[in-house]
C-alpha atoms as a PDB file:
ATOM      1  CA  UNK A   1      36.891-115.417  61.263  1.00  0.00           C
ATOM      2  CA  UNK A   2      38.393-112.721  63.561  1.00  0.00           C
ATOM      3  CA  UNK A   3      41.193-115.227  64.469  1.00  0.00           C
ATOM      4  CA  UNK A   4      41.900-115.544  60.779  1.00  0.00           C
ATOM      5  CA  UNK A   5      42.052-111.892  60.282  1.00  0.00           C
ATOM      6  CA  UNK A   6      44.194-111.211  63.303  1.00  0.00           C
ATOM      7  CA  UNK A   7      46.627-113.964  62.010  1.00  0.00           C
ATOM      8  CA  UNK A   8      46.735-112.357  58.597  1.00  0.00           C
ATOM      9  CA  UNK A   9      47.540-109.077  60.019  1.00  0.00           C
ATOM     10  CA  UNK A  10      50.402-110.641  62.115  1.00  0.00           C
ATOM     11  CA  UNK A  11      51.694-112.200  58.908  1.00  0.00           C
ATOM     12  CA  UNK A  12      51.794-108.951  57.177  1.00  0.00           C
ATOM     13  CA  UNK A  13      53.894-107.424  60.182  1.00  0.00           C
ATOM     14  CA  UNK A  14      56.251-110.450  59.895  1.00  0.00           C
ATOM     15  CA  UNK A  15      56.670-110.133  56.211  1.00  0.00           C
ATOM     16  CA  UNK A  16      57.750-106.476  56.734  1.00  0.00           C
ATOM     17  CA  UNK A  17      60.450-107.506  59.240  1.00  0.00           C
ATOM     18  CA  UNK A  18      61.639-110.208  56.972  1.00  0.00           C
ATOM     19  CA  UNK A  19      62.078-107.861  54.101  1.00  0.00           C
ATOM     20  CA  UNK A  20      63.800-105.340  56.359  1.00  0.00           C
ATOM     21  CA  UNK A  21      66.331-107.976  57.310  1.00  0.00           C
ATOM     22  CA  UNK A  22      67.014-108.896  53.849  1.00  0.00           C
ATOM     23  CA  UNK A  23      67.577-105.252  53.045  1.00  0.00           C
ATOM     24  CA  UNK A  24      69.978-105.008  55.858  1.00  0.00           C
ATOM     25  CA  UNK A  25      71.850-107.883  54.668  1.00  0.00           C
ATOM     26  CA  UNK A  26      71.852-106.391  50.991  1.00  0.00           C
ATOM     27  CA  UNK A  27      73.228-103.089  52.174  1.00  0.00           C
ATOM     28  CA  UNK A  28      75.726-104.557  54.215  1.00  0.00           C
ATOM     29  CA  UNK A  29      77.163-106.833  51.583  1.00  0.00           C
ATOM     30  CA  UNK A  30      76.794-104.119  48.937  1.00  0.00           C
ATOM     31  CA  UNK A  31      78.901-101.555  51.008  1.00  0.00           C
ATOM     32  CA  UNK A  32      81.582-104.271  51.605  1.00  0.00           C
ATOM     33  CA  UNK A  33      81.699-104.922  47.793  1.00  0.00           C
ATOM     34  CA  UNK A  34      81.779-101.324  47.040  1.00  0.00           C
ATOM     35  CA  UNK A  35      84.538-100.375  49.466  1.00  0.00           C
ATOM     36  CA  UNK A  36      86.661-103.454  48.649  1.00  0.00           C
ATOM     37  CA  UNK A  37      85.994-103.859  44.807  1.00  0.00           C
ATOM     38  CA  UNK A  38      84.614-107.369  45.531  1.00  0.00           C
ATOM     39  CA  UNK A  39      82.842-108.231  42.171  1.00  0.00           C
ATOM     40  CA  UNK A  40      81.745-111.808  43.647  1.00  0.00           C
ATOM     41  CA  UNK A  41      80.004-110.136  46.442  1.00  0.00           C
ATOM     42  CA  UNK A  42      78.481-107.463  44.309  1.00  0.00           C
ATOM     43  CA  UNK A  43      76.842-110.158  42.176  1.00  0.00           C
ATOM     44  CA  UNK A  44      75.447-111.825  45.135  1.00  0.00           C
ATOM     45  CA  UNK A  45      73.662-108.683  46.211  1.00  0.00           C
ATOM     46  CA  UNK A  46      72.277-108.109  42.653  1.00  0.00           C
ATOM     47  CA  UNK A  47      70.928-111.780  42.317  1.00  0.00           C
ATOM     48  CA  UNK A  48      69.360-111.629  45.786  1.00  0.00           C
ATOM     49  CA  UNK A  49      67.292-108.542  45.101  1.00  0.00           C
ATOM     50  CA  UNK A  50      64.942-110.863  43.354  1.00  0.00           C
ATOM     51  CA  UNK A  51      64.011-112.276  46.714  1.00  0.00           C
ATOM     52  CA  UNK A  52      63.133-108.804  48.211  1.00  0.00           C
ATOM     53  CA  UNK A  53      60.896-108.080  45.092  1.00  0.00           C
ATOM     54  CA  UNK A  54      59.259-111.464  45.486  1.00  0.00           C
ATOM     55  CA  UNK A  55      58.413-110.969  49.343  1.00  0.00           C
ATOM     56  CA  UNK A  56      57.269-107.345  48.566  1.00  0.00           C
ATOM     57  CA  UNK A  57      54.801-108.572  45.855  1.00  0.00           C
ATOM     58  CA  UNK A  58      53.572-111.431  48.131  1.00  0.00           C
ATOM     59  CA  UNK A  59      52.988-108.941  51.026  1.00  0.00           C
ATOM     60  CA  UNK A  60      51.190-106.424  48.775  1.00  0.00           C
ATOM     61  CA  UNK A  61      48.895-109.234  47.508  1.00  0.00           C
ATOM     62  CA  UNK A  62      48.131-110.357  51.033  1.00  0.00           C
ATOM     63  CA  UNK A  63      47.359-106.882  52.143  1.00  0.00           C
ATOM     64  CA  UNK A  64      45.046-106.130  49.155  1.00  0.00           C
ATOM     65  CA  UNK A  65      43.205-109.564  49.799  1.00  0.00           C
ATOM     66  CA  UNK A  66      42.736-108.440  53.510  1.00  0.00           C
ATOM     67  CA  UNK A  67      41.323-105.130  52.266  1.00  0.00           C
ATOM     68  CA  UNK A  68      39.103-106.955  49.822  1.00  0.00           C
ATOM     69  CA  UNK A  69      37.782-109.773  51.982  1.00  0.00           C
ATOM     70  CA  UNK A  70      37.760-108.471  55.487  1.00  0.00           C
ATOM     71  CA  UNK A  71      36.764-104.837  55.282  1.00  0.00           C
ATOM     72  CA  UNK A  72      39.096-103.755  58.112  1.00  0.00           C
ATOM     73  CA  UNK A  73      38.410-100.357  59.987  1.00  0.00           C
ATOM     74  CA  UNK A  74      40.047 -97.847  61.926  1.00  0.00           C
ATOM     75  CA  UNK A  75      43.524 -98.891  63.205  1.00  0.00           C
ATOM     76  CA  UNK A  76      43.531-102.194  61.303  1.00  0.00           C
ATOM     77  CA  UNK A  77      43.001-100.387  58.150  1.00  0.00           C
ATOM     78  CA  UNK A  78      45.769 -97.872  59.041  1.00  0.00           C
ATOM     79  CA  UNK A  79      47.937-100.983  59.593  1.00  0.00           C
ATOM     80  CA  UNK A  80      47.221-102.543  56.107  1.00  0.00           C
ATOM     81  CA  UNK A  81      47.580 -99.291  54.270  1.00  0.00           C
ATOM     82  CA  UNK A  82      50.624 -98.341  55.962  1.00  0.00           C
ATOM     83  CA  UNK A  83      52.199-101.808  55.221  1.00  0.00           C
ATOM     84  CA  UNK A  84      51.632-101.397  51.606  1.00  0.00           C
ATOM     85  CA  UNK A  85      53.548 -98.075  51.712  1.00  0.00           C
ATOM     86  CA  UNK A  86      56.409 -99.415  54.014  1.00  0.00           C
ATOM     87  CA  UNK A  87      56.811-102.503  51.844  1.00  0.00           C
ATOM     88  CA  UNK A  88      57.374-100.024  48.816  1.00  0.00           C
ATOM     89  CA  UNK A  89      59.956 -98.181  50.797  1.00  0.00           C
ATOM     90  CA  UNK A  90      61.808-101.319  51.858  1.00  0.00           C
ATOM     91  CA  UNK A  91      61.779-102.571  48.180  1.00  0.00           C
ATOM     92  CA  UNK A  92      63.322 -99.400  47.076  1.00  0.00           C
ATOM     93  CA  UNK A  93      65.941 -99.639  49.752  1.00  0.00           C
ATOM     94  CA  UNK A  94      66.893-103.163  48.224  1.00  0.00           C
ATOM     95  CA  UNK A  95      67.119-101.595  44.780  1.00  0.00           C
ATOM     96  CA  UNK A  96      69.399 -98.852  46.092  1.00  0.00           C
ATOM     97  CA  UNK A  97      71.688-101.489  47.659  1.00  0.00           C
ATOM     98  CA  UNK A  98      71.788-103.222  44.465  1.00  0.00           C
ATOM     99  CA  UNK A  99      72.713-100.093  42.549  1.00  0.00           C
ATOM    100  CA  UNK A 100      75.527 -99.707  44.952  1.00  0.00           C
ATOM    101  CA  UNK A 101      76.649-103.334  44.210  1.00  0.00           C
ATOM    102  CA  UNK A 102      76.197-102.510  40.375  1.00  0.00           C
ATOM    103  CA  UNK A 103      78.710 -99.724  40.627  1.00  0.00           C
ATOM    104  CA  UNK A 104      81.178-101.876  42.412  1.00  0.00           C
ATOM    105  CA  UNK A 105      80.754-104.481  39.616  1.00  0.00           C
ATOM    106  CA  UNK A 106      80.856-101.896  36.808  1.00  0.00           C
ATOM    107  CA  UNK A 107      84.281-100.379  37.984  1.00  0.00           C
ATOM    108  CA  UNK A 108      85.823-103.791  39.110  1.00  0.00           C
ATOM    109  CA  UNK A 109      88.842-104.162  39.624  1.00  0.00           C
ATOM    110  CA  UNK A 110      89.155-100.446  40.543  1.00  0.00           C
ATOM    111  CA  UNK A 111      87.416 -98.736  43.531  1.00  0.00           C
ATOM    112  CA  UNK A 112      84.575 -96.622  42.666  1.00  0.00           C
ATOM    113  CA  UNK A 113      85.503 -93.832  44.928  1.00  0.00           C
ATOM    114  CA  UNK A 114      88.747 -91.920  45.022  1.00  0.00           C
ATOM    115  CA  UNK A 115      90.930 -92.084  48.127  1.00  0.00           C
ATOM    116  CA  UNK A 116      89.957 -88.446  49.058  1.00  0.00           C
ATOM    117  CA  UNK A 117      86.299 -89.445  49.741  1.00  0.00           C
ATOM    118  CA  UNK A 118      86.817 -92.985  51.052  1.00  0.00           C
ATOM    119  CA  UNK A 119      86.258 -91.952  54.897  1.00  0.00           C
ATOM    120  CA  UNK A 120      83.031 -89.827  53.790  1.00  0.00           C
ATOM    121  CA  UNK A 121      81.568 -92.961  51.998  1.00  0.00           C
ATOM    122  CA  UNK A 122      82.567 -95.248  54.838  1.00  0.00           C
ATOM    123  CA  UNK A 123      80.541 -93.190  57.127  1.00  0.00           C
ATOM    124  CA  UNK A 124      77.589 -92.828  54.767  1.00  0.00           C
ATOM    125  CA  UNK A 125      77.570 -96.645  54.539  1.00  0.00           C
ATOM    126  CA  UNK A 126      77.834 -97.184  58.211  1.00  0.00           C
ATOM    127  CA  UNK A 127      74.892 -94.789  58.765  1.00  0.00           C
ATOM    128  CA  UNK A 128      72.681 -96.573  56.153  1.00  0.00           C
ATOM    129  CA  UNK A 129      73.546 -99.961  57.763  1.00  0.00           C
ATOM    130  CA  UNK A 130      72.587 -98.469  61.128  1.00  0.00           C
ATOM    131  CA  UNK A 131      69.261 -96.976  59.799  1.00  0.00           C
ATOM    132  CA  UNK A 132      68.140-100.235  58.314  1.00  0.00           C
ATOM    133  CA  UNK A 133      68.967-101.965  61.723  1.00  0.00           C
ATOM    134  CA  UNK A 134      66.876 -99.389  63.444  1.00  0.00           C
ATOM    135  CA  UNK A 135      64.015 -99.975  61.125  1.00  0.00           C
ATOM    136  CA  UNK A 136      64.017-103.681  61.956  1.00  0.00           C
ATOM    137  CA  UNK A 137      64.029-102.742  65.673  1.00  0.00           C
ATOM    138  CA  UNK A 138      61.153-100.266  64.974  1.00  0.00           C
ATOM    139  CA  UNK A 139      59.075-102.821  63.205  1.00  0.00           C
ATOM    140  CA  UNK A 140      59.582-105.374  65.935  1.00  0.00           C
ATOM    141  CA  UNK A 141      58.766-102.952  68.903  1.00  0.00           C
ATOM    142  CA  UNK A 142      57.050 -99.884  67.558  1.00  0.00           C
ATOM    143  CA  UNK A 143      59.228 -97.778  70.027  1.00  0.00           C
ATOM    144  CA  UNK A 144      59.039 -94.233  68.805  1.00  0.00           C
ATOM    145  CA  UNK A 145      62.407 -93.348  70.371  1.00  0.00           C
ATOM    146  CA  UNK A 146      63.792 -95.730  67.601  1.00  0.00           C
ATOM    147  CA  UNK A 147      62.019 -93.800  64.956  1.00  0.00           C
ATOM    148  CA  UNK A 148      63.510 -90.518  66.308  1.00  0.00           C
ATOM    149  CA  UNK A 149      66.860 -92.151  66.122  1.00  0.00           C
ATOM    150  CA  UNK A 150      66.382 -92.782  62.551  1.00  0.00           C
ATOM    151  CA  UNK A 151      65.533 -89.283  61.992  1.00  0.00           C
ATOM    152  CA  UNK A 152      68.678 -88.029  63.569  1.00  0.00           C
ATOM    153  CA  UNK A 153      70.958 -90.401  61.637  1.00  0.00           C
ATOM    154  CA  UNK A 154      69.368 -89.232  58.339  1.00  0.00           C
ATOM    155  CA  UNK A 155      70.480 -85.700  59.206  1.00  0.00           C
ATOM    156  CA  UNK A 156      74.070 -86.924  59.368  1.00  0.00           C
ATOM    157  CA  UNK A 157      73.687 -88.704  56.033  1.00  0.00           C
ATOM    158  CA  UNK A 158      72.318 -85.542  54.385  1.00  0.00           C
ATOM    159  CA  UNK A 159      75.265 -83.610  55.830  1.00  0.00           C
ATOM    160  CA  UNK A 160      77.590 -86.139  54.324  1.00  0.00           C
ATOM    161  CA  UNK A 161      75.606 -86.013  50.967  1.00  0.00           C
ATOM    162  CA  UNK A 162      75.936 -82.345  50.870  1.00  0.00           C
ATOM    163  CA  UNK A 163      79.776 -82.501  51.491  1.00  0.00           C
ATOM    164  CA  UNK A 164      80.272 -84.924  48.525  1.00  0.00           C
ATOM    165  CA  UNK A 165      78.541 -82.286  46.172  1.00  0.00           C
ATOM    166  CA  UNK A 166      80.635 -79.659  47.481  1.00  0.00           C
ATOM    167  CA  UNK A 167      83.670 -81.680  47.072  1.00  0.00           C
ATOM    168  CA  UNK A 168      83.071 -82.477  43.503  1.00  0.00           C
ATOM    169  CA  UNK A 169      82.139 -78.936  42.692  1.00  0.00           C
ATOM    170  CA  UNK A 170      85.283 -77.543  44.162  1.00  0.00           C
ATOM    171  CA  UNK A 171      88.094 -76.027  41.905  1.00  0.00           C
ATOM    172  CA  UNK A 172      90.667 -78.553  43.261  1.00  0.00           C
ATOM    173  CA  UNK A 173      88.571 -81.571  42.100  1.00  0.00           C
ATOM    174  CA  UNK A 174      90.509 -83.162  39.375  1.00  0.00           C
ATOM    175  CA  UNK A 175      88.956 -86.610  38.839  1.00  0.00           C
ATOM    176  CA  UNK A 176      87.710 -87.826  35.636  1.00  0.00           C
ATOM    177  CA  UNK A 177      84.162 -87.141  34.285  1.00  0.00           C
ATOM    178  CA  UNK A 178      83.363 -91.000  34.858  1.00  0.00           C
ATOM    179  CA  UNK A 179      84.634 -90.848  38.373  1.00  0.00           C
ATOM    180  CA  UNK A 180      82.667 -87.674  39.094  1.00  0.00           C
ATOM    181  CA  UNK A 181      79.372 -89.261  37.825  1.00  0.00           C
ATOM    182  CA  UNK A 182      80.015 -92.398  39.998  1.00  0.00           C
ATOM    183  CA  UNK A 183      80.574 -90.377  43.092  1.00  0.00           C
ATOM    184  CA  UNK A 184      77.525 -88.509  42.649  1.00  0.00           C
ATOM    185  CA  UNK A 185      75.464 -91.359  41.848  1.00  0.00           C
ATOM    186  CA  UNK A 186      76.895 -93.439  44.795  1.00  0.00           C
ATOM    187  CA  UNK A 187      76.197 -90.587  47.166  1.00  0.00           C
ATOM    188  CA  UNK A 188      72.709 -90.260  45.892  1.00  0.00           C
ATOM    189  CA  UNK A 189      72.080 -93.870  46.421  1.00  0.00           C
ATOM    190  CA  UNK A 190      73.294 -93.715  50.062  1.00  0.00           C
ATOM    191  CA  UNK A 191      71.225 -90.603  50.758  1.00  0.00           C
ATOM    192  CA  UNK A 192      68.064 -92.100  49.092  1.00  0.00           C
ATOM    193  CA  UNK A 193      68.477 -95.194  51.138  1.00  0.00           C
ATOM    194  CA  UNK A 194      68.297 -93.283  54.310  1.00  0.00           C
ATOM    195  CA  UNK A 195      65.504 -91.184  53.261  1.00  0.00           C
ATOM    196  CA  UNK A 196      63.315 -94.450  52.677  1.00  0.00           C
ATOM    197  CA  UNK A 197      64.258 -95.588  56.022  1.00  0.00           C
ATOM    198  CA  UNK A 198      62.880 -92.248  57.268  1.00  0.00           C
ATOM    199  CA  UNK A 199      59.780 -93.011  55.355  1.00  0.00           C
ATOM    200  CA  UNK A 200      59.296 -96.351  57.211  1.00  0.00           C
ATOM    201  CA  UNK A 201      59.654 -94.633  60.443  1.00  0.00           C
ATOM    202  CA  UNK A 202      57.136 -91.975  59.624  1.00  0.00           C
ATOM    203  CA  UNK A 203      54.553 -94.676  58.781  1.00  0.00           C
ATOM    204  CA  UNK A 204      55.200 -96.622  61.907  1.00  0.00           C
ATOM    205  CA  UNK A 205      54.808 -93.464  63.849  1.00  0.00           C
ATOM    206  CA  UNK A 206      51.518 -92.718  62.044  1.00  0.00           C
ATOM    207  CA  UNK A 207      50.343 -96.422  63.038  1.00  0.00           C
ATOM    208  CA  UNK A 208      51.264 -95.730  66.701  1.00  0.00           C
ATOM    209  CA  UNK A 209      49.895 -92.249  67.053  1.00  0.00           C
ATOM    210  CA  UNK A 210      47.261 -91.917  64.467  1.00  0.00           C
ATOM    211  CA  UNK A 211      49.018 -88.529  63.249  1.00  0.00           C
ATOM    212  CA  UNK A 212      50.765 -87.870  60.067  1.00  0.00           C
ATOM    213  CA  UNK A 213      53.015 -85.237  61.647  1.00  0.00           C
ATOM    214  CA  UNK A 214      53.246 -85.849  65.501  1.00  0.00           C
ATOM    215  CA  UNK A 215      55.414 -83.523  67.455  1.00  0.00           C
ATOM    216  CA  UNK A 216      59.091 -84.279  67.060  1.00  0.00           C
ATOM    217  CA  UNK A 217      58.761 -85.741  63.647  1.00  0.00           C
END
């Protein structure tokens, strides 16, 4: 029975990694579609989100079965509860990538973002892709230096998000109401994507240290 239990725990960890890789693919494609007004690629991202949702539901069902049937304690219990929370964050990251793609589809054949903010959004996209790449590495290695890297990158995303809102509130902003809304939404999607990456990093840190707020986090 113990071997079965450990095998099930390993599968939960493997499922988290698989979902995170799909999220990485989703945000990479979504940002490409977003920057290049590629409606076909945007549609691919939107359709593929169902796979992330399916895997998250499967992982959660597996974790709940383990809780009900195996009665885990201590570190194993932390692993299962943490996995449930991490799967929710990863699923939400997939949703946010889908939202970015939906904006690209909505405004096709035009670009969502005006040229004055192109570089800002390119940077936000790059940071988000880097965060989910770090999430994959963190789930595979549980190296807390990688978790710290995620927190640092998130600060950069927050700064860019703030700069977007300063730009659209500035007197010289002359874009249409629709463009202003699109810019605000897009910035929020990229910022929240990074926040969920941080959430995963904090959960892994808790699994490793047993502390909710260890020093440096």
